Amino acid sequence: MATSTASGQFIDTWDRKEKKLLKEYTPHPNTYFVLGLLSRFIAKHSDVLDCRVDGGKVAPWQRVFAAALRSPKGNLTLAVVNDARTEYKASFELRGLAKDSTLYRYSVDQTIAIATT
């Protein structure tokens, strides 16, 4: 289990195997950057759109997550998070777009987190 602190940093607090609180809490190093990207591209009052992930599991846990949102101005955001150490190939199918769209990719990876800590 990860818990957020007042600064927005996520820390591990739960031992899944032993089903008890951890003796020491460790931070997730790149959460600051991920939260920064999400807060920049997800507008208040955005609609959550239907979205699904096929694959992205490290038995038995789902490790790739996605969310699709439409802002009140009609801008689309697709957030995909892979919290595994394994890279996955990805493909996206966007249905029902009213017009041609330009897509931009922003990413945060472990090397950014290590370089800045």
C-alpha atoms as a PDB file:
ATOM      1  CA  MET A   1       0.000   0.000   0.000  1.00  0.00           C
ATOM      2  CA  ALA A   2       1.246   3.487  -0.780  1.00  0.00           C
ATOM      3  CA  THR A   3       0.272   6.501   1.274  1.00  0.00           C
ATOM      4  CA  SER A   4       0.587  10.133   0.207  1.00  0.00           C
ATOM      5  CA  THR A   5       2.239  12.674   2.462  1.00  0.00           C
ATOM      6  CA  ALA A   6       1.356  16.364   2.586  1.00  0.00           C
ATOM      7  CA  SER A   7       4.171  17.080   0.102  1.00  0.00           C
ATOM      8  CA  GLY A   8       2.657  14.709  -2.463  1.00  0.00           C
ATOM      9  CA  GLN A   9       5.352  12.060  -2.004  1.00  0.00           C
ATOM     10  CA  PHE A  10       4.105   8.469  -1.944  1.00  0.00           C
ATOM     11  CA  ILE A  11       5.605   6.038   0.541  1.00  0.00           C
ATOM     12  CA  ASP A  12       5.216   2.282   0.972  1.00  0.00           C
ATOM     13  CA  THR A  13       3.611   1.491   4.313  1.00  0.00           C
ATOM     14  CA  TRP A  14       2.202  -2.036   3.928  1.00  0.00           C
ATOM     15  CA  ASP A  15       3.904  -5.424   3.601  1.00  0.00           C
ATOM     16  CA  ARG A  16       1.683  -7.397   1.194  1.00  0.00           C
ATOM     17  CA  LYS A  17       3.266 -10.768   1.992  1.00  0.00           C
ATOM     18  CA  GLU A  18       3.124 -10.466   5.774  1.00  0.00           C
ATOM     19  CA  LYS A  19      -0.097  -8.387   5.763  1.00  0.00           C
ATOM     20  CA  LYS A  20       1.189  -5.861   8.289  1.00  0.00           C
ATOM     21  CA  LEU A  21       2.687  -2.377   8.453  1.00  0.00           C
ATOM     22  CA  LEU A  22       6.307  -2.111   7.363  1.00  0.00           C
ATOM     23  CA  LYS A  23       8.914  -1.293  10.010  1.00  0.00           C
ATOM     24  CA  GLU A  24      10.562   1.246   7.667  1.00  0.00           C
ATOM     25  CA  TYR A  25       8.766   3.360   5.083  1.00  0.00           C
ATOM     26  CA  THR A  26      10.370   3.899   1.684  1.00  0.00           C
ATOM     27  CA  PRO A  27       9.424   6.652  -0.784  1.00  0.00           C
ATOM     28  CA  HIS A  28       8.597   6.127  -4.440  1.00  0.00           C
ATOM     29  CA  PRO A  29      11.330   8.214  -6.099  1.00  0.00           C
ATOM     30  CA  ASN A  30       9.500   9.451  -9.217  1.00  0.00           C
ATOM     31  CA  THR A  31       6.073  10.294  -7.817  1.00  0.00           C
ATOM     32  CA  TYR A  32       6.819  14.001  -7.634  1.00  0.00           C
ATOM     33  CA  PHE A  33       7.308  14.153 -11.406  1.00  0.00           C
ATOM     34  CA  VAL A  34       4.314  11.939 -12.204  1.00  0.00           C
ATOM     35  CA  LEU A  35       2.018  14.048 -10.022  1.00  0.00           C
ATOM     36  CA  GLY A  36       3.392  17.178 -11.698  1.00  0.00           C
ATOM     37  CA  LEU A  37       2.516  15.850 -15.150  1.00  0.00           C
ATOM     38  CA  LEU A  38      -0.928  14.706 -14.066  1.00  0.00           C
ATOM     39  CA  SER A  39      -1.786  18.003 -12.414  1.00  0.00           C
ATOM     40  CA  ARG A  40      -0.709  19.873 -15.542  1.00  0.00           C
ATOM     41  CA  PHE A  41      -2.745  17.852 -18.033  1.00  0.00           C
ATOM     42  CA  ILE A  42      -5.882  16.900 -16.110  1.00  0.00           C
ATOM     43  CA  ALA A  43      -8.234  19.861 -15.854  1.00  0.00           C
ATOM     44  CA  LYS A  44     -10.792  20.307 -13.091  1.00  0.00           C
ATOM     45  CA  HIS A  45     -14.208  18.852 -13.888  1.00  0.00           C
ATOM     46  CA  SER A  46     -12.839  16.562 -16.635  1.00  0.00           C
ATOM     47  CA  ASP A  47     -15.045  13.675 -17.704  1.00  0.00           C
ATOM     48  CA  VAL A  48     -13.594  10.207 -17.157  1.00  0.00           C
ATOM     49  CA  LEU A  49     -13.860   8.201 -20.382  1.00  0.00           C
ATOM     50  CA  ASP A  50     -14.066   4.458 -20.887  1.00  0.00           C
ATOM     51  CA  CYS A  51     -10.563   2.994 -20.955  1.00  0.00           C
ATOM     52  CA  ARG A  52      -9.119  -0.487 -20.529  1.00  0.00           C
ATOM     53  CA  VAL A  53      -5.724  -2.147 -20.304  1.00  0.00           C
ATOM     54  CA  ASP A  54      -5.048  -5.586 -21.791  1.00  0.00           C
ATOM     55  CA  GLY A  55      -1.904  -7.173 -20.382  1.00  0.00           C
ATOM     56  CA  GLY A  56       0.618  -5.373 -18.221  1.00  0.00           C
ATOM     57  CA  LYS A  57       0.547  -7.937 -15.407  1.00  0.00           C
ATOM     58  CA  VAL A  58       3.321  -9.366 -13.293  1.00  0.00           C
ATOM     59  CA  ALA A  59       1.569 -12.372 -11.801  1.00  0.00           C
ATOM     60  CA  PRO A  60      -0.828 -11.845 -10.164  1.00  0.00           C
ATOM     61  CA  TRP A  61      -0.634  -8.031  -9.949  1.00  0.00           C
ATOM     62  CA  GLN A  62      -1.752  -5.505 -12.549  1.00  0.00           C
ATOM     63  CA  ARG A  63       1.250  -3.219 -13.126  1.00  0.00           C
ATOM     64  CA  VAL A  64       0.087  -1.053 -16.047  1.00  0.00           C
ATOM     65  CA  PHE A  65      -2.797   1.347 -15.450  1.00  0.00           C
ATOM     66  CA  ALA A  66      -4.565   3.825 -17.728  1.00  0.00           C
ATOM     67  CA  ALA A  67      -7.126   6.597 -17.486  1.00  0.00           C
ATOM     68  CA  ALA A  68      -8.689   8.678 -20.261  1.00  0.00           C
ATOM     69  CA  LEU A  69     -10.194  12.103 -19.571  1.00  0.00           C
ATOM     70  CA  ARG A  70     -11.876  14.902 -21.539  1.00  0.00           C
ATOM     71  CA  SER A  71     -11.545  18.429 -20.181  1.00  0.00           C
ATOM     72  CA  PRO A  72     -14.441  20.914 -20.227  1.00  0.00           C
ATOM     73  CA  LYS A  73     -12.713  22.526 -23.275  1.00  0.00           C
ATOM     74  CA  GLY A  74     -12.676  19.172 -25.101  1.00  0.00           C
ATOM     75  CA  ASN A  75      -8.967  18.367 -24.683  1.00  0.00           C
ATOM     76  CA  LEU A  76      -8.148  14.690 -24.251  1.00  0.00           C
ATOM     77  CA  THR A  77      -5.641  13.235 -21.806  1.00  0.00           C
ATOM     78  CA  LEU A  78      -4.580   9.592 -21.756  1.00  0.00           C
ATOM     79  CA  ALA A  79      -2.480   8.761 -18.702  1.00  0.00           C
ATOM     80  CA  VAL A  80      -0.646   5.435 -18.747  1.00  0.00           C
ATOM     81  CA  VAL A  81       1.441   4.331 -15.776  1.00  0.00           C
ATOM     82  CA  ASN A  82       3.722   1.297 -15.727  1.00  0.00           C
ATOM     83  CA  ASP A  83       4.965   0.745 -12.183  1.00  0.00           C
ATOM     84  CA  ALA A  84       6.757  -2.514 -13.039  1.00  0.00           C
ATOM     85  CA  ARG A  85      10.439  -2.876 -13.812  1.00  0.00           C
ATOM     86  CA  THR A  86       9.389  -4.585 -17.054  1.00  0.00           C
ATOM     87  CA  GLU A  87       8.877  -2.606 -20.251  1.00  0.00           C
ATOM     88  CA  TYR A  88       5.731  -3.340 -22.254  1.00  0.00           C
ATOM     89  CA  LYS A  89       4.880  -2.549 -25.858  1.00  0.00           C
ATOM     90  CA  ALA A  90       1.795  -0.381 -26.061  1.00  0.00           C
ATOM     91  CA  SER A  91      -0.809   0.419 -28.669  1.00  0.00           C
ATOM     92  CA  PHE A  92      -3.787   2.728 -28.371  1.00  0.00           C
ATOM     93  CA  GLU A  93      -7.120   2.772 -30.133  1.00  0.00           C
ATOM     94  CA  LEU A  94      -8.970   6.068 -29.918  1.00  0.00           C
ATOM     95  CA  ARG A  95     -12.585   5.827 -31.044  1.00  0.00           C
ATOM     96  CA  GLY A  96     -15.136   8.525 -31.684  1.00  0.00           C
ATOM     97  CA  LEU A  97     -12.809  11.494 -32.094  1.00  0.00           C
ATOM     98  CA  ALA A  98     -14.773  14.375 -33.579  1.00  0.00           C
ATOM     99  CA  LYS A  99     -11.764  15.754 -35.485  1.00  0.00           C
ATOM    100  CA  ASP A 100      -8.165  15.057 -36.397  1.00  0.00           C
ATOM    101  CA  SER A 101      -5.986  15.355 -33.330  1.00  0.00           C
ATOM    102  CA  THR A 102      -2.329  15.966 -32.609  1.00  0.00           C
ATOM    103  CA  LEU A 103      -0.940  13.732 -29.895  1.00  0.00           C
ATOM    104  CA  TYR A 104       1.940  14.630 -27.577  1.00  0.00           C
ATOM    105  CA  ARG A 105       3.898  12.228 -25.386  1.00  0.00           C
ATOM    106  CA  TYR A 106       5.339  13.160 -22.009  1.00  0.00           C
ATOM    107  CA  SER A 107       7.096  10.656 -19.794  1.00  0.00           C
ATOM    108  CA  VAL A 108       8.885  10.182 -16.522  1.00  0.00           C
ATOM    109  CA  ASP A 109      11.184   7.266 -15.918  1.00  0.00           C
ATOM    110  CA  GLN A 110      13.450   5.959 -13.201  1.00  0.00           C
ATOM    111  CA  THR A 111      16.540   7.697 -14.615  1.00  0.00           C
ATOM    112  CA  ILE A 112      14.918  11.110 -14.062  1.00  0.00           C
ATOM    113  CA  ALA A 113      14.076  10.174 -10.508  1.00  0.00           C
ATOM    114  CA  ILE A 114      17.591   8.897  -9.789  1.00  0.00           C
ATOM    115  CA  ALA A 115      19.288  11.893 -11.407  1.00  0.00           C
ATOM    116  CA  THR A 116      17.360  14.370  -9.289  1.00  0.00           C
ATOM    117  CA  THR A 117      17.508  12.664  -5.898  1.00  0.00           C
END
